[in-house]
């Protein structure tokens, strides 16, 4: 994986995915479901699981 791809994956996992999850419920005038935090954490872990270790 190149540095650009890794940076995009990090951005997706740490910013875009959690923001999308929250935004969908806020725009719908709903509260976040109780499982939302775990869903975001699980999804982030999967996205980052095959990145090479840092320096």
PDB file of N, CA and C in Angstrom:
ATOM      1  N   UNK A   1       0.849  -1.177   0.000  1.00  0.00           N
ATOM      2  CA  UNK A   1       0.000   0.000   0.000  1.00  0.00           C
ATOM      3  C   UNK A   1       0.895   1.241   0.000  1.00  0.00           C
ATOM      4  N   UNK A   2       0.532   2.213  -0.771  1.00  0.00           N
ATOM      5  CA  UNK A   2       1.325   3.443  -0.815  1.00  0.00           C
ATOM      6  C   UNK A   2       0.916   4.380   0.313  1.00  0.00           C
ATOM      7  N   UNK A   3       1.769   5.369   0.578  1.00  0.00           N
ATOM      8  CA  UNK A   3       1.476   6.334   1.636  1.00  0.00           C
ATOM      9  C   UNK A   3       0.171   7.068   1.420  1.00  0.00           C
ATOM     10  N   UNK A   4      -0.144   7.391   0.153  1.00  0.00           N
ATOM     11  CA  UNK A   4      -1.392   8.092  -0.136  1.00  0.00           C
ATOM     12  C   UNK A   4      -2.607   7.244   0.169  1.00  0.00           C
ATOM     13  N   UNK A   5      -2.528   5.961  -0.174  1.00  0.00           N
ATOM     14  CA  UNK A   5      -3.636   5.045   0.105  1.00  0.00           C
ATOM     15  C   UNK A   5      -3.792   4.860   1.613  1.00  0.00           C
ATOM     16  N   UNK A   6      -2.675   4.734   2.310  1.00  0.00           N
ATOM     17  CA  UNK A   6      -2.730   4.587   3.760  1.00  0.00           C
ATOM     18  C   UNK A   6      -3.333   5.823   4.415  1.00  0.00           C
ATOM     19  N   UNK A   7      -2.953   6.991   3.944  1.00  0.00           N
ATOM     20  CA  UNK A   7      -3.496   8.237   4.496  1.00  0.00           C
ATOM     21  C   UNK A   7      -4.996   8.329   4.249  1.00  0.00           C
ATOM     22  N   UNK A   8      -5.432   7.938   3.070  1.00  0.00           N
ATOM     23  CA  UNK A   8      -6.873   7.959   2.764  1.00  0.00           C
ATOM     24  C   UNK A   8      -7.632   6.987   3.654  1.00  0.00           C
ATOM     25  N   UNK A   9      -7.050   5.810   3.866  1.00  0.00           N
ATOM     26  CA  UNK A   9      -7.710   4.823   4.721  1.00  0.00           C
ATOM     27  C   UNK A   9      -7.786   5.331   6.163  1.00  0.00           C
ATOM     28  N   UNK A  10      -6.727   5.952   6.639  1.00  0.00           N
ATOM     29  CA  UNK A  10      -6.750   6.527   7.988  1.00  0.00           C
ATOM     30  C   UNK A  10      -7.832   7.601   8.106  1.00  0.00           C
ATOM     31  N   UNK A  11      -7.903   8.466   7.122  1.00  0.00           N
ATOM     32  CA  UNK A  11      -8.911   9.529   7.125  1.00  0.00           C
ATOM     33  C   UNK A  11     -10.317   8.948   7.104  1.00  0.00           C
ATOM     34  N   UNK A  12     -10.532   7.946   6.288  1.00  0.00           N
ATOM     35  CA  UNK A  12     -11.836   7.296   6.222  1.00  0.00           C
ATOM     36  C   UNK A  12     -12.201   6.671   7.565  1.00  0.00           C
ATOM     37  N   UNK A  13     -11.250   5.953   8.142  1.00  0.00           N
ATOM     38  CA  UNK A  13     -11.519   5.228   9.385  1.00  0.00           C
ATOM     39  C   UNK A  13     -11.714   6.147  10.583  1.00  0.00           C
ATOM     40  N   UNK A  14     -10.914   7.206  10.656  1.00  0.00           N
ATOM     41  CA  UNK A  14     -10.916   8.035  11.860  1.00  0.00           C
ATOM     42  C   UNK A  14     -11.788   9.285  11.777  1.00  0.00           C
ATOM     43  N   UNK A  15     -12.137   9.710  10.557  1.00  0.00           N
ATOM     44  CA  UNK A  15     -12.919  10.939  10.399  1.00  0.00           C
ATOM     45  C   UNK A  15     -14.224  10.670   9.655  1.00  0.00           C
ATOM     46  N   UNK A  16     -14.112  10.209   8.427  1.00  0.00           N
ATOM     47  CA  UNK A  16     -15.281  10.116   7.556  1.00  0.00           C
ATOM     48  C   UNK A  16     -16.338   9.119   8.038  1.00  0.00           C
ATOM     49  N   UNK A  17     -15.903   7.934   8.416  1.00  0.00           N
ATOM     50  CA  UNK A  17     -16.861   6.918   8.836  1.00  0.00           C
ATOM     51  C   UNK A  17     -17.624   7.328  10.098  1.00  0.00           C
ATOM     52  N   UNK A  18     -16.929   7.729  11.175  1.00  0.00           N
ATOM     53  CA  UNK A  18     -17.692   8.153  12.360  1.00  0.00           C
ATOM     54  C   UNK A  18     -18.587   9.371  12.090  1.00  0.00           C
ATOM     55  N   UNK A  19     -18.092  10.314  11.298  1.00  0.00           N
ATOM     56  CA  UNK A  19     -18.894  11.493  10.983  1.00  0.00           C
ATOM     57  C   UNK A  19     -20.159  11.114  10.218  1.00  0.00           C
ATOM     58  N   UNK A  20     -20.030  10.229   9.261  1.00  0.00           N
ATOM     59  CA  UNK A  20     -21.199   9.794   8.485  1.00  0.00           C
ATOM     60  C   UNK A  20     -22.226   9.105   9.373  1.00  0.00           C
ATOM     61  N   UNK A  21     -21.759   8.296  10.295  1.00  0.00           N
ATOM     62  CA  UNK A  21     -22.665   7.597  11.203  1.00  0.00           C
ATOM     63  C   UNK A  21     -23.447   8.585  12.064  1.00  0.00           C
ATOM     64  N   UNK A  22     -22.755   9.567  12.619  1.00  0.00           N
ATOM     65  CA  UNK A  22     -23.419  10.566  13.464  1.00  0.00           C
ATOM     66  C   UNK A  22     -24.331  11.455  12.622  1.00  0.00           C
ATOM     67  N   UNK A  23     -23.832  11.923  11.481  1.00  0.00           N
ATOM     68  CA  UNK A  23     -24.590  12.847  10.642  1.00  0.00           C
ATOM     69  C   UNK A  23     -25.927  12.258  10.204  1.00  0.00           C
ATOM     70  N   UNK A  24     -25.933  10.989   9.839  1.00  0.00           N
ATOM     71  CA  UNK A  24     -27.170  10.353   9.383  1.00  0.00           C
ATOM     72  C   UNK A  24     -28.255  10.437  10.442  1.00  0.00           C
ATOM     73  N   UNK A  25     -27.899  10.205  11.682  1.00  0.00           N
ATOM     74  CA  UNK A  25     -28.896  10.240  12.758  1.00  0.00           C
ATOM     75  C   UNK A  25     -29.279  11.668  13.124  1.00  0.00           C
ATOM     76  N   UNK A  26     -28.307  12.562  13.147  1.00  0.00           N
ATOM     77  CA  UNK A  26     -28.602  13.958  13.478  1.00  0.00           C
ATOM     78  C   UNK A  26     -29.521  14.570  12.437  1.00  0.00           C
ATOM     79  N   UNK A  27     -29.211  14.345  11.161  1.00  0.00           N
ATOM     80  CA  UNK A  27     -30.067  14.886  10.091  1.00  0.00           C
ATOM     81  C   UNK A  27     -31.474  14.318  10.151  1.00  0.00           C
ATOM     82  N   UNK A  28     -31.598  13.090  10.618  1.00  0.00           N
ATOM     83  CA  UNK A  28     -32.915  12.474  10.740  1.00  0.00           C
ATOM     84  C   UNK A  28     -33.632  12.862  12.024  1.00  0.00           C
ATOM     85  N   UNK A  29     -32.991  13.709  12.842  1.00  0.00           N
ATOM     86  CA  UNK A  29     -33.604  14.139  14.095  1.00  0.00           C
ATOM     87  C   UNK A  29     -33.671  13.027  15.132  1.00  0.00           C
ATOM     88  N   UNK A  30     -32.785  12.050  14.996  1.00  0.00           N
ATOM     89  CA  UNK A  30     -32.793  10.897  15.895  1.00  0.00           C
ATOM     90  C   UNK A  30     -31.604  10.960  16.843  1.00  0.00           C
ATOM     91  N   UNK A  31     -31.718  10.231  17.921  1.00  0.00           N
ATOM     92  CA  UNK A  31     -30.581  10.028  18.808  1.00  0.00           C
ATOM     93  C   UNK A  31     -29.711   8.930  18.217  1.00  0.00           C
ATOM     94  N   UNK A  32     -28.444   8.948  18.597  1.00  0.00           N
ATOM     95  CA  UNK A  32     -27.577   7.853  18.174  1.00  0.00           C
ATOM     96  C   UNK A  32     -28.024   6.572  18.868  1.00  0.00           C
ATOM     97  N   UNK A  33     -28.080   5.465  18.148  1.00  0.00           N
ATOM     98  CA  UNK A  33     -28.425   4.205  18.808  1.00  0.00           C
ATOM     99  C   UNK A  33     -27.302   3.787  19.759  1.00  0.00           C
ATOM    100  N   UNK A  34     -27.643   2.993  20.722  1.00  0.00           N
ATOM    101  CA  UNK A  34     -26.683   2.569  21.733  1.00  0.00           C
ATOM    102  C   UNK A  34     -25.484   1.845  21.126  1.00  0.00           C
ATOM    103  N   UNK A  35     -25.675   1.173  20.015  1.00  0.00           N
ATOM    104  CA  UNK A  35     -24.606   0.389  19.398  1.00  0.00           C
ATOM    105  C   UNK A  35     -23.743   1.196  18.422  1.00  0.00           C
ATOM    106  N   UNK A  36     -24.018   2.460  18.251  1.00  0.00           N
ATOM    107  CA  UNK A  36     -23.304   3.268  17.250  1.00  0.00           C
ATOM    108  C   UNK A  36     -21.807   3.359  17.537  1.00  0.00           C
ATOM    109  N   UNK A  37     -21.441   3.571  18.776  1.00  0.00           N
ATOM    110  CA  UNK A  37     -20.021   3.690  19.113  1.00  0.00           C
ATOM    111  C   UNK A  37     -19.279   2.389  18.818  1.00  0.00           C
ATOM    112  N   UNK A  38     -19.883   1.260  19.172  1.00  0.00           N
ATOM    113  CA  UNK A  38     -19.241  -0.026  18.909  1.00  0.00           C
ATOM    114  C   UNK A  38     -19.162  -0.307  17.418  1.00  0.00           C
ATOM    115  N   UNK A  39     -20.200   0.065  16.682  1.00  0.00           N
ATOM    116  CA  UNK A  39     -20.194  -0.115  15.230  1.00  0.00           C
ATOM    117  C   UNK A  39     -19.069   0.690  14.586  1.00  0.00           C
ATOM    118  N   UNK A  40     -18.896   1.923  15.015  1.00  0.00           N
ATOM    119  CA  UNK A  40     -17.805   2.751  14.491  1.00  0.00           C
ATOM    120  C   UNK A  40     -16.447   2.159  14.862  1.00  0.00           C
ATOM    121  N   UNK A  41     -16.304   1.702  16.091  1.00  0.00           N
ATOM    122  CA  UNK A  41     -15.039   1.113  16.532  1.00  0.00           C
ATOM    123  C   UNK A  41     -14.716  -0.159  15.753  1.00  0.00           C
ATOM    124  N   UNK A  42     -15.704  -1.010  15.566  1.00  0.00           N
ATOM    125  CA  UNK A  42     -15.490  -2.259  14.815  1.00  0.00           C
ATOM    126  C   UNK A  42     -15.115  -1.966  13.366  1.00  0.00           C
ATOM    127  N   UNK A  43     -15.812  -1.023  12.759  1.00  0.00           N
ATOM    128  CA  UNK A  43     -15.536  -0.671  11.363  1.00  0.00           C
ATOM    129  C   UNK A  43     -14.142  -0.077  11.217  1.00  0.00           C
ATOM    130  N   UNK A  44     -13.768   0.775  12.153  1.00  0.00           N
ATOM    131  CA  UNK A  44     -12.433   1.370  12.127  1.00  0.00           C
ATOM    132  C   UNK A  44     -11.363   0.294  12.279  1.00  0.00           C
ATOM    133  N   UNK A  45     -11.563  -0.623  13.190  1.00  0.00           N
ATOM    134  CA  UNK A  45     -10.602  -1.707  13.395  1.00  0.00           C
ATOM    135  C   UNK A  45     -10.427  -2.536  12.127  1.00  0.00           C
ATOM    136  N   UNK A  46     -11.515  -2.818  11.435  1.00  0.00           N
ATOM    137  CA  UNK A  46     -11.425  -3.586  10.196  1.00  0.00           C
ATOM    138  C   UNK A  46     -10.672  -2.816   9.113  1.00  0.00           C
ATOM    139  N   UNK A  47     -10.959  -1.532   8.990  1.00  0.00           N
ATOM    140  CA  UNK A  47     -10.274  -0.724   7.976  1.00  0.00           C
ATOM    141  C   UNK A  47      -8.783  -0.612   8.242  1.00  0.00           C
ATOM    142  N   UNK A  48      -8.387  -0.605   9.487  1.00  0.00           N
ATOM    143  CA  UNK A  48      -6.986  -0.414   9.832  1.00  0.00           C
ATOM    144  C   UNK A  48      -6.230  -1.717  10.064  1.00  0.00           C
ATOM    145  N   UNK A  49      -6.923  -2.830  10.033  1.00  0.00           N
ATOM    146  CA  UNK A  49      -6.309  -4.106  10.425  1.00  0.00           C
ATOM    147  C   UNK A  49      -5.174  -4.559   9.509  1.00  0.00           C
ATOM    148  N   UNK A  50      -5.187  -4.169   8.253  1.00  0.00           N
ATOM    149  CA  UNK A  50      -4.124  -4.642   7.366  1.00  0.00           C
ATOM    150  C   UNK A  50      -3.112  -3.570   6.992  1.00  0.00           C
ATOM    151  N   UNK A  51      -3.149  -2.433   7.693  1.00  0.00           N
ATOM    152  CA  UNK A  51      -2.123  -1.420   7.477  1.00  0.00           C
ATOM    153  C   UNK A  51      -0.821  -1.891   8.112  1.00  0.00           C
ATOM    154  N   UNK A  52       0.306  -1.586   7.486  1.00  0.00           N
ATOM    155  CA  UNK A  52       1.574  -1.966   8.103  1.00  0.00           C
ATOM    156  C   UNK A  52       1.814  -1.169   9.383  1.00  0.00           C
ATOM    157  N   UNK A  53       2.562  -1.736  10.321  1.00  0.00           N
ATOM    158  CA  UNK A  53       2.833  -1.005  11.558  1.00  0.00           C
ATOM    159  C   UNK A  53       3.606   0.283  11.288  1.00  0.00           C
ATOM    160  N   UNK A  54       3.363   1.253  12.132  1.00  0.00           N
ATOM    161  CA  UNK A  54       4.047   2.546  11.994  1.00  0.00           C
ATOM    162  C   UNK A  54       5.508   2.458  12.398  1.00  0.00           C
ATOM    163  N   UNK A  55       6.204   3.580  12.263  1.00  0.00           N
ATOM    164  CA  UNK A  55       7.639   3.598  12.611  1.00  0.00           C
ATOM    165  C   UNK A  55       7.892   3.371  14.072  1.00  0.00           C
TER     166      UNK A  55
END
